[in-house]
Amino acid sequence: MAKAEKIIARIRAHPTPPNIKWDELTLALKHLGYRVLNHDGSRRRFYHERLNHVICLHRPHPGNEVKPAYIRQVRTALEDIGLIPSENLG
């Protein structure tokens, strides 16, 4: 399994892991077809041209770990657009 696929599996995990790093999240989103658009300060947009889909996030600082709430936001967006399977938890 490629590194990006392992990270995607961690993004899909329940409960959401608290230790996904920004560079790992960026690698996974690029693997799924997104490209990073820089904005003011720490704001970043991930844009998928074929799907015309945008995910907006703030790059974490001073650390490098993405908060679990933001990972859940990314997971939901990827499920909604159909890039990863949706989990039926209930």
C-alpha atoms as a PDB file:
ATOM      1  CA  MET A   1       0.000   0.000   0.000  1.00  0.00           C
ATOM      2  CA  ALA A   2       1.401   3.402  -0.996  1.00  0.00           C
ATOM      3  CA  LYS A   3       2.100   6.020   1.662  1.00  0.00           C
ATOM      4  CA  ALA A   4      -0.776   8.238   0.462  1.00  0.00           C
ATOM      5  CA  GLU A   5      -3.194   5.299   0.660  1.00  0.00           C
ATOM      6  CA  LYS A   6      -2.109   4.589   4.244  1.00  0.00           C
ATOM      7  CA  ILE A   7      -2.757   8.222   5.149  1.00  0.00           C
ATOM      8  CA  ILE A   8      -6.195   8.077   3.493  1.00  0.00           C
ATOM      9  CA  ALA A   9      -6.958   4.989   5.603  1.00  0.00           C
ATOM     10  CA  ARG A  10      -6.006   6.982   8.716  1.00  0.00           C
ATOM     11  CA  ILE A  11      -8.234   9.881   7.599  1.00  0.00           C
ATOM     12  CA  ARG A  12     -11.123   7.403   7.297  1.00  0.00           C
ATOM     13  CA  ALA A  13     -10.438   5.847  10.735  1.00  0.00           C
ATOM     14  CA  HIS A  14     -12.916   6.059  13.598  1.00  0.00           C
ATOM     15  CA  PRO A  15     -12.134   7.541  16.033  1.00  0.00           C
ATOM     16  CA  THR A  16     -10.279  10.255  14.171  1.00  0.00           C
ATOM     17  CA  PRO A  17      -6.538  10.060  14.875  1.00  0.00           C
ATOM     18  CA  PRO A  18      -5.049  13.124  16.618  1.00  0.00           C
ATOM     19  CA  ASN A  19      -1.630  12.883  14.964  1.00  0.00           C
ATOM     20  CA  ILE A  20      -2.015  13.406  11.205  1.00  0.00           C
ATOM     21  CA  LYS A  21       0.583  15.919  10.086  1.00  0.00           C
ATOM     22  CA  TRP A  22      -0.077  18.722   7.600  1.00  0.00           C
ATOM     23  CA  ASP A  23       2.392  17.294   5.081  1.00  0.00           C
ATOM     24  CA  GLU A  24       0.643  13.907   5.273  1.00  0.00           C
ATOM     25  CA  LEU A  25      -2.776  15.456   4.696  1.00  0.00           C
ATOM     26  CA  THR A  26      -1.403  17.451   1.754  1.00  0.00           C
ATOM     27  CA  LEU A  27       0.143  14.295   0.253  1.00  0.00           C
ATOM     28  CA  ALA A  28      -3.165  12.399   0.562  1.00  0.00           C
ATOM     29  CA  LEU A  29      -5.203  15.194  -1.024  1.00  0.00           C
ATOM     30  CA  LYS A  30      -2.706  15.535  -3.893  1.00  0.00           C
ATOM     31  CA  HIS A  31      -2.947  11.762  -4.407  1.00  0.00           C
ATOM     32  CA  LEU A  32      -6.731  12.175  -4.775  1.00  0.00           C
ATOM     33  CA  GLY A  33      -6.275  14.865  -7.442  1.00  0.00           C
ATOM     34  CA  TYR A  34      -6.265  18.111  -5.447  1.00  0.00           C
ATOM     35  CA  ARG A  35      -3.714  20.876  -5.818  1.00  0.00           C
ATOM     36  CA  VAL A  36      -2.833  23.412  -3.147  1.00  0.00           C
ATOM     37  CA  LEU A  37      -3.656  27.083  -3.638  1.00  0.00           C
ATOM     38  CA  ASN A  38      -1.984  29.405  -1.123  1.00  0.00           C
ATOM     39  CA  HIS A  39      -3.866  32.372   0.245  1.00  0.00           C
ATOM     40  CA  ASP A  40      -3.172  34.990   2.882  1.00  0.00           C
ATOM     41  CA  GLY A  41      -1.270  33.783   5.921  1.00  0.00           C
ATOM     42  CA  SER A  42      -1.958  30.170   6.814  1.00  0.00           C
ATOM     43  CA  ARG A  43      -5.115  29.767   4.706  1.00  0.00           C
ATOM     44  CA  ARG A  44      -4.908  27.032   2.087  1.00  0.00           C
ATOM     45  CA  ARG A  45      -7.366  25.882  -0.545  1.00  0.00           C
ATOM     46  CA  PHE A  46      -7.227  22.404  -2.017  1.00  0.00           C
ATOM     47  CA  TYR A  47      -8.806  22.464  -5.469  1.00  0.00           C
ATOM     48  CA  HIS A  48      -9.882  19.441  -7.521  1.00  0.00           C
ATOM     49  CA  GLU A  49     -10.186  20.745 -11.070  1.00  0.00           C
ATOM     50  CA  ARG A  50     -12.040  17.792 -12.622  1.00  0.00           C
ATOM     51  CA  LEU A  51     -14.680  17.806  -9.876  1.00  0.00           C
ATOM     52  CA  ASN A  52     -14.614  21.598  -9.375  1.00  0.00           C
ATOM     53  CA  HIS A  53     -14.391  20.978  -5.634  1.00  0.00           C
ATOM     54  CA  VAL A  54     -12.629  23.065  -2.985  1.00  0.00           C
ATOM     55  CA  ILE A  55     -11.595  22.188   0.560  1.00  0.00           C
ATOM     56  CA  CYS A  56     -10.529  25.210   2.658  1.00  0.00           C
ATOM     57  CA  LEU A  57      -8.234  24.738   5.651  1.00  0.00           C
ATOM     58  CA  HIS A  58      -5.780  26.644   7.807  1.00  0.00           C
ATOM     59  CA  ARG A  59      -2.270  25.273   7.975  1.00  0.00           C
ATOM     60  CA  PRO A  60      -1.599  24.488  11.645  1.00  0.00           C
ATOM     61  CA  HIS A  61       0.862  26.644  13.510  1.00  0.00           C
ATOM     62  CA  PRO A  62       2.957  26.691  15.527  1.00  0.00           C
ATOM     63  CA  GLY A  63       2.786  22.862  15.310  1.00  0.00           C
ATOM     64  CA  ASN A  64       2.373  20.613  12.286  1.00  0.00           C
ATOM     65  CA  GLU A  65      -0.447  18.297  13.437  1.00  0.00           C
ATOM     66  CA  VAL A  66      -3.925  18.845  12.016  1.00  0.00           C
ATOM     67  CA  LYS A  67      -6.697  18.946  14.614  1.00  0.00           C
ATOM     68  CA  PRO A  68      -9.062  15.951  14.504  1.00  0.00           C
ATOM     69  CA  ALA A  69     -12.025  18.275  13.836  1.00  0.00           C
ATOM     70  CA  TYR A  70     -10.376  19.397  10.585  1.00  0.00           C
ATOM     71  CA  ILE A  71      -9.606  15.792   9.626  1.00  0.00           C
ATOM     72  CA  ARG A  72     -13.302  14.956  10.126  1.00  0.00           C
ATOM     73  CA  GLN A  73     -14.207  17.954   7.942  1.00  0.00           C
ATOM     74  CA  VAL A  74     -11.909  16.677   5.184  1.00  0.00           C
ATOM     75  CA  ARG A  75     -13.263  13.120   5.542  1.00  0.00           C
ATOM     76  CA  THR A  76     -16.859  14.343   5.212  1.00  0.00           C
ATOM     77  CA  ALA A  77     -16.005  16.464   2.166  1.00  0.00           C
ATOM     78  CA  LEU A  78     -14.253  13.536   0.466  1.00  0.00           C
ATOM     79  CA  GLU A  79     -17.174  11.219   1.241  1.00  0.00           C
ATOM     80  CA  ASP A  80     -19.719  13.756  -0.015  1.00  0.00           C
ATOM     81  CA  ILE A  81     -17.884  14.195  -3.328  1.00  0.00           C
ATOM     82  CA  GLY A  82     -17.430  10.412  -3.678  1.00  0.00           C
ATOM     83  CA  LEU A  83     -13.629  10.236  -3.547  1.00  0.00           C
ATOM     84  CA  ILE A  84     -13.644   7.908  -0.541  1.00  0.00           C
ATOM     85  CA  PRO A  85     -16.361   5.469   0.528  1.00  0.00           C
ATOM     86  CA  SER A  86     -18.859   6.768   3.040  1.00  0.00           C
ATOM     87  CA  GLU A  87     -18.968   4.986   6.373  1.00  0.00           C
ATOM     88  CA  ASN A  88     -22.403   3.878   7.503  1.00  0.00           C
ATOM     89  CA  LEU A  89     -22.081   3.989  11.270  1.00  0.00           C
ATOM     90  CA  GLY A  90     -25.553   3.551  12.145  1.00  0.00           C
END
